[in-house]
Amino acid sequence: MFIDQFVLFVVSLVANLFSALAGGGAGLLQLPALLFLGLPFGTALATHKVASVFLGLGATIRHLKSSTFNWRFSAYILACGLPGVVLGASIILQVDDRLSQFLLGILTLGLGLYSWFKPELGQNVELKNRHTAGLIIGGSVLFLIGALNGSLTSGTGLFVTLWLVRWFGLDYKTAVGYTLILVGIFWNGSGALTLGILGNIQWDWLPALILGSLIGGYLGAHLSIVKGNRLVKRSFEVITVLVGVSLIIKAWI
């Protein structure tokens, strides 16, 4: 039992450190570890979602010390994404997700390659699409990403990060901050609540996962702030490629 808890802590620490640095992808390591240790998919997903909330909390503690967030823009991201999260979490336990995981893997891999071949993407803030049409289009995509966040296992925070960079003109460091706080706490919290009501959560595994999430989230956020956009962009690209390949392989096993 102690060994299992220690393994859970180490996996959670490493997964959430890199997730906080890149703006998503904790499920790449954390969810497969829960499945490997014997949890059924629905229970593992719900337990992972709860632990991911504490990734957001750990990162928030660090980001709020040195970052200035536009709270109206934050409210907009939440208003667009949360309904999608609840919708996605409500249907996932009834759906075979192999095809969805494969398609998500292809798309996630594409995100990483797109960013890699755009060297200056997200290196500076160039705010755009804040007019009505831009906000409607941007919000519609956030709703769709929210549905993916509620229903699938890995990488949707990465979608939010790149969308905030590409559509709204944020730099990577700022976009990751928004993702970790809003997706990490509120989107994942809503998904965890919905999955907890409809499914099960492995409560006795959460202390190790939560501790690893808090510490990993704080350390990853600290590195992103200290090292700046170049490291965050490279981390985003590496994690998206790994998550994409992982989802493609998982869909065919």
C-alpha atoms as a PDB file:
ATOM      1  CA  MET A   1       0.000   0.000   0.000  1.00  0.00           C
ATOM      2  CA  PHE A   2       2.805   2.419   0.903  1.00  0.00           C
ATOM      3  CA  ILE A   3       4.645   1.542  -2.321  1.00  0.00           C
ATOM      4  CA  ASP A   4       1.499   2.262  -4.352  1.00  0.00           C
ATOM      5  CA  GLN A   5       1.082   5.629  -2.636  1.00  0.00           C
ATOM      6  CA  PHE A   6       4.747   6.503  -3.242  1.00  0.00           C
ATOM      7  CA  VAL A   7       4.455   5.547  -6.930  1.00  0.00           C
ATOM      8  CA  LEU A   8       1.315   7.673  -7.209  1.00  0.00           C
ATOM      9  CA  PHE A   9       3.094  10.654  -5.615  1.00  0.00           C
ATOM     10  CA  VAL A  10       6.158  10.434  -7.884  1.00  0.00           C
ATOM     11  CA  VAL A  11       4.078  10.005 -11.057  1.00  0.00           C
ATOM     12  CA  SER A  12       1.807  12.883 -10.042  1.00  0.00           C
ATOM     13  CA  LEU A  13       4.756  15.155  -9.212  1.00  0.00           C
ATOM     14  CA  VAL A  14       6.526  14.566 -12.538  1.00  0.00           C
ATOM     15  CA  ALA A  15       3.341  14.689 -14.650  1.00  0.00           C
ATOM     16  CA  ASN A  16       2.067  17.881 -13.079  1.00  0.00           C
ATOM     17  CA  LEU A  17       5.437  19.649 -13.125  1.00  0.00           C
ATOM     18  CA  PHE A  18       5.655  19.251 -16.901  1.00  0.00           C
ATOM     19  CA  SER A  19       1.951  19.977 -17.305  1.00  0.00           C
ATOM     20  CA  ALA A  20       2.301  23.266 -15.402  1.00  0.00           C
ATOM     21  CA  LEU A  21       5.299  24.186 -17.544  1.00  0.00           C
ATOM     22  CA  ALA A  22       3.630  23.362 -20.872  1.00  0.00           C
ATOM     23  CA  GLY A  23       0.000  24.267 -20.122  1.00  0.00           C
ATOM     24  CA  GLY A  24      -1.480  20.761 -20.075  1.00  0.00           C
ATOM     25  CA  GLY A  25      -0.780  17.056 -20.528  1.00  0.00           C
ATOM     26  CA  ALA A  26      -0.746  15.712 -16.951  1.00  0.00           C
ATOM     27  CA  GLY A  27      -2.957  12.820 -18.038  1.00  0.00           C
ATOM     28  CA  LEU A  28      -0.148  11.507 -20.251  1.00  0.00           C
ATOM     29  CA  LEU A  29       1.459   9.875 -17.194  1.00  0.00           C
ATOM     30  CA  GLN A  30      -1.063  10.153 -14.399  1.00  0.00           C
ATOM     31  CA  LEU A  31      -4.098   8.467 -15.943  1.00  0.00           C
ATOM     32  CA  PRO A  32      -2.211   5.436 -17.362  1.00  0.00           C
ATOM     33  CA  ALA A  33      -0.614   4.976 -13.929  1.00  0.00           C
ATOM     34  CA  LEU A  34      -4.051   4.808 -12.303  1.00  0.00           C
ATOM     35  CA  LEU A  35      -5.199   2.281 -14.897  1.00  0.00           C
ATOM     36  CA  PHE A  36      -2.008   0.220 -14.457  1.00  0.00           C
ATOM     37  CA  LEU A  37      -2.582   0.085 -10.687  1.00  0.00           C
ATOM     38  CA  GLY A  38      -5.992  -1.453 -11.263  1.00  0.00           C
ATOM     39  CA  LEU A  39      -8.666   1.231 -11.448  1.00  0.00           C
ATOM     40  CA  PRO A  40     -11.416   0.896 -14.071  1.00  0.00           C
ATOM     41  CA  PHE A  41     -11.441   3.636 -16.699  1.00  0.00           C
ATOM     42  CA  GLY A  42     -14.375   5.667 -15.333  1.00  0.00           C
ATOM     43  CA  THR A  43     -13.013   5.648 -11.765  1.00  0.00           C
ATOM     44  CA  ALA A  44      -9.473   6.459 -12.954  1.00  0.00           C
ATOM     45  CA  LEU A  45     -10.728   9.370 -15.051  1.00  0.00           C
ATOM     46  CA  ALA A  46     -12.791  10.840 -12.195  1.00  0.00           C
ATOM     47  CA  THR A  47      -9.901  10.426  -9.731  1.00  0.00           C
ATOM     48  CA  HIS A  48      -7.465  12.022 -12.190  1.00  0.00           C
ATOM     49  CA  LYS A  49      -9.816  14.984 -12.697  1.00  0.00           C
ATOM     50  CA  VAL A  50     -10.004  15.622  -8.937  1.00  0.00           C
ATOM     51  CA  ALA A  51      -6.208  15.514  -8.608  1.00  0.00           C
ATOM     52  CA  SER A  52      -5.852  17.861 -11.592  1.00  0.00           C
ATOM     53  CA  VAL A  53      -7.772  20.539  -9.705  1.00  0.00           C
ATOM     54  CA  PHE A  54      -4.861  20.699  -7.268  1.00  0.00           C
ATOM     55  CA  LEU A  55      -2.418  21.117 -10.166  1.00  0.00           C
ATOM     56  CA  GLY A  56      -4.363  24.294 -10.882  1.00  0.00           C
ATOM     57  CA  LEU A  57      -4.230  25.363  -7.243  1.00  0.00           C
ATOM     58  CA  GLY A  58      -0.477  24.769  -6.991  1.00  0.00           C
ATOM     59  CA  ALA A  59       0.182  26.708 -10.189  1.00  0.00           C
ATOM     60  CA  THR A  60      -2.207  29.496  -9.157  1.00  0.00           C
ATOM     61  CA  ILE A  61      -0.284  30.134  -5.941  1.00  0.00           C
ATOM     62  CA  ARG A  62       2.838  30.842  -8.025  1.00  0.00           C
ATOM     63  CA  HIS A  63       1.255  32.659 -10.978  1.00  0.00           C
ATOM     64  CA  LEU A  64      -0.740  35.115  -8.901  1.00  0.00           C
ATOM     65  CA  LYS A  65       2.457  36.293  -7.227  1.00  0.00           C
ATOM     66  CA  SER A  66       3.884  37.631 -10.465  1.00  0.00           C
ATOM     67  CA  SER A  67       1.139  37.786 -13.102  1.00  0.00           C
ATOM     68  CA  THR A  68      -1.693  40.185 -13.852  1.00  0.00           C
ATOM     69  CA  PHE A  69      -4.838  38.508 -15.131  1.00  0.00           C
ATOM     70  CA  ASN A  70      -7.735  40.167 -16.903  1.00  0.00           C
ATOM     71  CA  TRP A  71     -10.618  38.926 -14.797  1.00  0.00           C
ATOM     72  CA  ARG A  72     -13.262  39.858 -17.386  1.00  0.00           C
ATOM     73  CA  PHE A  73     -11.405  37.742 -19.939  1.00  0.00           C
ATOM     74  CA  SER A  74     -11.136  34.968 -17.344  1.00  0.00           C
ATOM     75  CA  ALA A  75     -14.903  35.071 -16.773  1.00  0.00           C
ATOM     76  CA  TYR A  76     -15.429  34.872 -20.543  1.00  0.00           C
ATOM     77  CA  ILE A  77     -13.242  31.728 -20.790  1.00  0.00           C
ATOM     78  CA  LEU A  78     -15.179  30.113 -17.940  1.00  0.00           C
ATOM     79  CA  ALA A  79     -18.605  31.058 -19.331  1.00  0.00           C
ATOM     80  CA  CYS A  80     -17.739  29.561 -22.727  1.00  0.00           C
ATOM     81  CA  GLY A  81     -15.952  26.429 -21.528  1.00  0.00           C
ATOM     82  CA  LEU A  82     -17.828  25.208 -18.439  1.00  0.00           C
ATOM     83  CA  PRO A  83     -21.073  24.203 -20.225  1.00  0.00           C
ATOM     84  CA  GLY A  84     -18.977  22.149 -22.644  1.00  0.00           C
ATOM     85  CA  VAL A  85     -17.122  20.461 -19.757  1.00  0.00           C
ATOM     86  CA  VAL A  86     -20.364  19.384 -18.080  1.00  0.00           C
ATOM     87  CA  LEU A  87     -21.781  18.167 -21.405  1.00  0.00           C
ATOM     88  CA  GLY A  88     -18.668  16.140 -22.217  1.00  0.00           C
ATOM     89  CA  ALA A  89     -18.413  14.612 -18.725  1.00  0.00           C
ATOM     90  CA  SER A  90     -22.110  13.682 -18.822  1.00  0.00           C
ATOM     91  CA  ILE A  91     -21.764  11.527 -21.936  1.00  0.00           C
ATOM     92  CA  ILE A  92     -18.266  10.014 -21.699  1.00  0.00           C
ATOM     93  CA  LEU A  93     -19.183   7.148 -19.372  1.00  0.00           C
ATOM     94  CA  GLN A  94     -21.635   5.875 -21.993  1.00  0.00           C
ATOM     95  CA  VAL A  95     -19.354   6.178 -25.044  1.00  0.00           C
ATOM     96  CA  ASP A  96     -16.556   4.023 -26.475  1.00  0.00           C
ATOM     97  CA  ASP A  97     -13.729   6.541 -26.720  1.00  0.00           C
ATOM     98  CA  ARG A  98     -11.178   4.700 -28.916  1.00  0.00           C
ATOM     99  CA  LEU A  99     -12.025   6.607 -32.094  1.00  0.00           C
ATOM    100  CA  SER A 100     -12.227   9.873 -30.163  1.00  0.00           C
ATOM    101  CA  GLN A 101      -8.822   9.246 -28.603  1.00  0.00           C
ATOM    102  CA  PHE A 102      -7.294   8.472 -32.005  1.00  0.00           C
ATOM    103  CA  LEU A 103      -8.688  11.651 -33.575  1.00  0.00           C
ATOM    104  CA  LEU A 104      -7.677  13.702 -30.540  1.00  0.00           C
ATOM    105  CA  GLY A 105      -4.180  12.224 -30.779  1.00  0.00           C
ATOM    106  CA  ILE A 106      -3.869  13.264 -34.436  1.00  0.00           C
ATOM    107  CA  LEU A 107      -5.080  16.777 -33.630  1.00  0.00           C
ATOM    108  CA  THR A 108      -2.816  17.125 -30.577  1.00  0.00           C
ATOM    109  CA  LEU A 109       0.214  15.963 -32.558  1.00  0.00           C
ATOM    110  CA  GLY A 110      -0.701  18.531 -35.192  1.00  0.00           C
ATOM    111  CA  LEU A 111      -0.774  21.285 -32.558  1.00  0.00           C
ATOM    112  CA  GLY A 112       2.772  20.513 -31.490  1.00  0.00           C
ATOM    113  CA  LEU A 113       4.082  20.412 -35.055  1.00  0.00           C
ATOM    114  CA  TYR A 114       2.233  23.637 -35.930  1.00  0.00           C
ATOM    115  CA  SER A 115       3.851  25.443 -32.998  1.00  0.00           C
ATOM    116  CA  TRP A 116       7.278  23.960 -33.826  1.00  0.00           C
ATOM    117  CA  PHE A 117       7.190  25.336 -37.379  1.00  0.00           C
ATOM    118  CA  LYS A 118       6.083  28.789 -36.141  1.00  0.00           C
ATOM    119  CA  PRO A 119       9.215  29.923 -34.243  1.00  0.00           C
ATOM    120  CA  GLU A 120       7.855  33.332 -33.225  1.00  0.00           C
ATOM    121  CA  LEU A 121       4.386  32.114 -32.239  1.00  0.00           C
ATOM    122  CA  GLY A 122       3.489  33.194 -28.711  1.00  0.00           C
ATOM    123  CA  GLN A 123       6.768  34.939 -27.968  1.00  0.00           C
ATOM    124  CA  ASN A 124       5.126  38.364 -27.616  1.00  0.00           C
ATOM    125  CA  VAL A 125       1.675  39.641 -26.684  1.00  0.00           C
ATOM    126  CA  GLU A 126      -0.324  40.877 -29.706  1.00  0.00           C
ATOM    127  CA  LEU A 127      -3.914  41.077 -28.494  1.00  0.00           C
ATOM    128  CA  LYS A 128      -6.491  40.464 -31.232  1.00  0.00           C
ATOM    129  CA  ASN A 129     -10.029  39.203 -31.960  1.00  0.00           C
ATOM    130  CA  ARG A 130     -11.537  41.045 -28.994  1.00  0.00           C
ATOM    131  CA  HIS A 131     -14.405  42.373 -31.154  1.00  0.00           C
ATOM    132  CA  THR A 132     -17.860  40.742 -31.100  1.00  0.00           C
ATOM    133  CA  ALA A 133     -17.343  38.331 -33.996  1.00  0.00           C
ATOM    134  CA  GLY A 134     -13.913  37.337 -32.698  1.00  0.00           C
ATOM    135  CA  LEU A 135     -15.285  36.664 -29.223  1.00  0.00           C
ATOM    136  CA  ILE A 136     -18.167  34.580 -30.601  1.00  0.00           C
ATOM    137  CA  ILE A 137     -15.848  32.421 -32.716  1.00  0.00           C
ATOM    138  CA  GLY A 138     -13.289  32.174 -29.915  1.00  0.00           C
ATOM    139  CA  GLY A 139     -15.982  31.266 -27.376  1.00  0.00           C
ATOM    140  CA  SER A 140     -17.465  28.592 -29.639  1.00  0.00           C
ATOM    141  CA  VAL A 141     -14.071  26.886 -29.925  1.00  0.00           C
ATOM    142  CA  LEU A 142     -13.595  27.136 -26.149  1.00  0.00           C
ATOM    143  CA  PHE A 143     -16.983  25.418 -25.698  1.00  0.00           C
ATOM    144  CA  LEU A 144     -15.859  22.556 -27.962  1.00  0.00           C
ATOM    145  CA  ILE A 145     -12.540  22.262 -26.133  1.00  0.00           C
ATOM    146  CA  GLY A 146     -14.493  22.229 -22.861  1.00  0.00           C
ATOM    147  CA  ALA A 147     -16.547  19.277 -24.127  1.00  0.00           C
ATOM    148  CA  LEU A 148     -13.316  17.447 -24.964  1.00  0.00           C
ATOM    149  CA  ASN A 149     -11.919  18.347 -21.527  1.00  0.00           C
ATOM    150  CA  GLY A 150     -14.939  16.821 -19.804  1.00  0.00           C
ATOM    151  CA  SER A 151     -15.003  13.691 -21.899  1.00  0.00           C
ATOM    152  CA  LEU A 152     -11.417  12.759 -22.715  1.00  0.00           C
ATOM    153  CA  THR A 153      -8.321  12.018 -20.737  1.00  0.00           C
ATOM    154  CA  SER A 154      -5.285  13.945 -21.881  1.00  0.00           C
ATOM    155  CA  GLY A 155      -4.136  17.092 -23.536  1.00  0.00           C
ATOM    156  CA  THR A 156      -7.157  19.369 -23.754  1.00  0.00           C
ATOM    157  CA  GLY A 157      -5.456  22.020 -21.618  1.00  0.00           C
ATOM    158  CA  LEU A 158      -2.878  22.165 -24.403  1.00  0.00           C
ATOM    159  CA  PHE A 159      -5.686  23.026 -26.831  1.00  0.00           C
ATOM    160  CA  VAL A 160      -6.721  25.959 -24.659  1.00  0.00           C
ATOM    161  CA  THR A 161      -3.138  27.185 -24.392  1.00  0.00           C
ATOM    162  CA  LEU A 162      -2.570  27.204 -28.147  1.00  0.00           C
ATOM    163  CA  TRP A 163      -6.016  28.701 -28.862  1.00  0.00           C
ATOM    164  CA  LEU A 164      -5.340  31.593 -26.478  1.00  0.00           C
ATOM    165  CA  VAL A 165      -2.002  32.160 -28.225  1.00  0.00           C
ATOM    166  CA  ARG A 166      -3.206  31.752 -31.815  1.00  0.00           C
ATOM    167  CA  TRP A 167      -6.652  33.369 -31.711  1.00  0.00           C
ATOM    168  CA  PHE A 168      -6.396  35.926 -28.914  1.00  0.00           C
ATOM    169  CA  GLY A 169      -2.705  36.825 -29.344  1.00  0.00           C
ATOM    170  CA  LEU A 170      -1.391  35.970 -25.869  1.00  0.00           C
ATOM    171  CA  ASP A 171       2.211  34.956 -25.328  1.00  0.00           C
ATOM    172  CA  TYR A 172       2.831  31.376 -24.174  1.00  0.00           C
ATOM    173  CA  LYS A 173       3.653  32.241 -20.560  1.00  0.00           C
ATOM    174  CA  THR A 174       0.435  34.233 -20.077  1.00  0.00           C
ATOM    175  CA  ALA A 175      -1.679  31.643 -21.912  1.00  0.00           C
ATOM    176  CA  VAL A 176      -0.316  28.844 -19.707  1.00  0.00           C
ATOM    177  CA  GLY A 177      -1.220  30.900 -16.625  1.00  0.00           C
ATOM    178  CA  TYR A 178      -4.831  31.250 -17.793  1.00  0.00           C
ATOM    179  CA  THR A 179      -4.997  27.556 -18.681  1.00  0.00           C
ATOM    180  CA  LEU A 180      -3.652  26.321 -15.362  1.00  0.00           C
ATOM    181  CA  ILE A 181      -5.932  28.518 -13.284  1.00  0.00           C
ATOM    182  CA  LEU A 182      -9.161  28.355 -15.293  1.00  0.00           C
ATOM    183  CA  VAL A 183      -8.909  24.891 -16.830  1.00  0.00           C
ATOM    184  CA  GLY A 184      -6.990  23.353 -13.940  1.00  0.00           C
ATOM    185  CA  ILE A 185      -9.324  24.513 -11.190  1.00  0.00           C
ATOM    186  CA  PHE A 186     -12.708  25.315 -12.718  1.00  0.00           C
ATOM    187  CA  TRP A 187     -12.994  23.161 -15.847  1.00  0.00           C
ATOM    188  CA  ASN A 188     -11.429  20.099 -14.199  1.00  0.00           C
ATOM    189  CA  GLY A 189     -13.377  20.780 -11.013  1.00  0.00           C
ATOM    190  CA  SER A 190     -16.669  20.761 -12.927  1.00  0.00           C
ATOM    191  CA  GLY A 191     -15.660  17.605 -14.783  1.00  0.00           C
ATOM    192  CA  ALA A 192     -14.617  15.906 -11.539  1.00  0.00           C
ATOM    193  CA  LEU A 193     -17.916  16.838  -9.866  1.00  0.00           C
ATOM    194  CA  THR A 194     -19.971  15.537 -12.792  1.00  0.00           C
ATOM    195  CA  LEU A 195     -17.947  12.313 -13.055  1.00  0.00           C
ATOM    196  CA  GLY A 196     -18.084  11.883  -9.265  1.00  0.00           C
ATOM    197  CA  ILE A 197     -21.869  12.114  -9.292  1.00  0.00           C
ATOM    198  CA  LEU A 198     -22.271   9.763 -12.255  1.00  0.00           C
ATOM    199  CA  GLY A 199     -19.378   7.416 -11.465  1.00  0.00           C
ATOM    200  CA  ASN A 200     -16.878   6.705  -8.674  1.00  0.00           C
ATOM    201  CA  ILE A 201     -13.756   8.317  -7.216  1.00  0.00           C
ATOM    202  CA  GLN A 202     -10.935   6.347  -5.536  1.00  0.00           C
ATOM    203  CA  TRP A 203     -10.756   8.562  -2.448  1.00  0.00           C
ATOM    204  CA  ASP A 204      -7.948   6.705  -0.629  1.00  0.00           C
ATOM    205  CA  TRP A 205      -5.585   7.325  -3.560  1.00  0.00           C
ATOM    206  CA  LEU A 206      -6.155  11.064  -3.633  1.00  0.00           C
ATOM    207  CA  PRO A 207      -3.781  12.235  -0.835  1.00  0.00           C
ATOM    208  CA  ALA A 208      -0.656  11.147  -2.757  1.00  0.00           C
ATOM    209  CA  LEU A 209      -2.040  12.452  -6.055  1.00  0.00           C
ATOM    210  CA  ILE A 210      -3.050  15.780  -4.533  1.00  0.00           C
ATOM    211  CA  LEU A 211       0.330  16.317  -2.862  1.00  0.00           C
ATOM    212  CA  GLY A 212       2.171  15.556  -6.103  1.00  0.00           C
ATOM    213  CA  SER A 213      -0.203  17.837  -8.039  1.00  0.00           C
ATOM    214  CA  LEU A 214       0.262  20.776  -5.669  1.00  0.00           C
ATOM    215  CA  ILE A 215       4.063  20.552  -5.573  1.00  0.00           C
ATOM    216  CA  GLY A 216       4.421  19.769  -9.281  1.00  0.00           C
ATOM    217  CA  GLY A 217       2.026  22.558 -10.251  1.00  0.00           C
ATOM    218  CA  TYR A 218       3.910  25.124  -8.176  1.00  0.00           C
ATOM    219  CA  LEU A 219       7.358  24.064  -9.440  1.00  0.00           C
ATOM    220  CA  GLY A 220       6.251  23.954 -13.079  1.00  0.00           C
ATOM    221  CA  ALA A 221       4.656  27.391 -12.830  1.00  0.00           C
ATOM    222  CA  HIS A 222       7.809  28.745 -11.176  1.00  0.00           C
ATOM    223  CA  LEU A 223       9.983  27.452 -14.029  1.00  0.00           C
ATOM    224  CA  SER A 224       7.675  28.926 -16.677  1.00  0.00           C
ATOM    225  CA  ILE A 225       7.791  32.356 -15.016  1.00  0.00           C
ATOM    226  CA  VAL A 226      11.543  32.363 -14.385  1.00  0.00           C
ATOM    227  CA  LYS A 227      12.659  30.883 -17.730  1.00  0.00           C
ATOM    228  CA  GLY A 228      10.148  32.679 -19.977  1.00  0.00           C
ATOM    229  CA  ASN A 229       8.348  32.052 -23.246  1.00  0.00           C
ATOM    230  CA  ARG A 230      11.056  30.172 -25.124  1.00  0.00           C
ATOM    231  CA  LEU A 231      11.223  27.304 -22.606  1.00  0.00           C
ATOM    232  CA  VAL A 232       7.430  27.248 -22.236  1.00  0.00           C
ATOM    233  CA  LYS A 233       6.986  27.034 -26.018  1.00  0.00           C
ATOM    234  CA  ARG A 234       9.471  24.188 -26.344  1.00  0.00           C
ATOM    235  CA  SER A 235       7.877  22.358 -23.418  1.00  0.00           C
ATOM    236  CA  PHE A 236       4.453  22.804 -25.026  1.00  0.00           C
ATOM    237  CA  GLU A 237       5.727  21.312 -28.275  1.00  0.00           C
ATOM    238  CA  VAL A 238       7.378  18.310 -26.628  1.00  0.00           C
ATOM    239  CA  ILE A 239       4.351  17.542 -24.448  1.00  0.00           C
ATOM    240  CA  THR A 240       1.852  17.893 -27.317  1.00  0.00           C
ATOM    241  CA  VAL A 241       3.844  15.493 -29.488  1.00  0.00           C
ATOM    242  CA  LEU A 242       4.135  12.977 -26.633  1.00  0.00           C
ATOM    243  CA  VAL A 243       0.444  13.268 -25.726  1.00  0.00           C
ATOM    244  CA  GLY A 244      -0.576  12.953 -29.375  1.00  0.00           C
ATOM    245  CA  VAL A 245       1.531   9.839 -29.985  1.00  0.00           C
ATOM    246  CA  SER A 246       0.361   8.346 -26.663  1.00  0.00           C
ATOM    247  CA  LEU A 247      -3.310   8.804 -27.542  1.00  0.00           C
ATOM    248  CA  ILE A 248      -2.840   7.316 -31.017  1.00  0.00           C
ATOM    249  CA  ILE A 249      -1.070   4.251 -29.589  1.00  0.00           C
ATOM    250  CA  LYS A 250      -3.635   3.865 -26.793  1.00  0.00           C
ATOM    251  CA  ALA A 251      -6.508   3.974 -29.294  1.00  0.00           C
ATOM    252  CA  TRP A 252      -5.061   0.992 -31.193  1.00  0.00           C
ATOM    253  CA  ILE A 253      -3.991  -1.216 -28.278  1.00  0.00           C
END
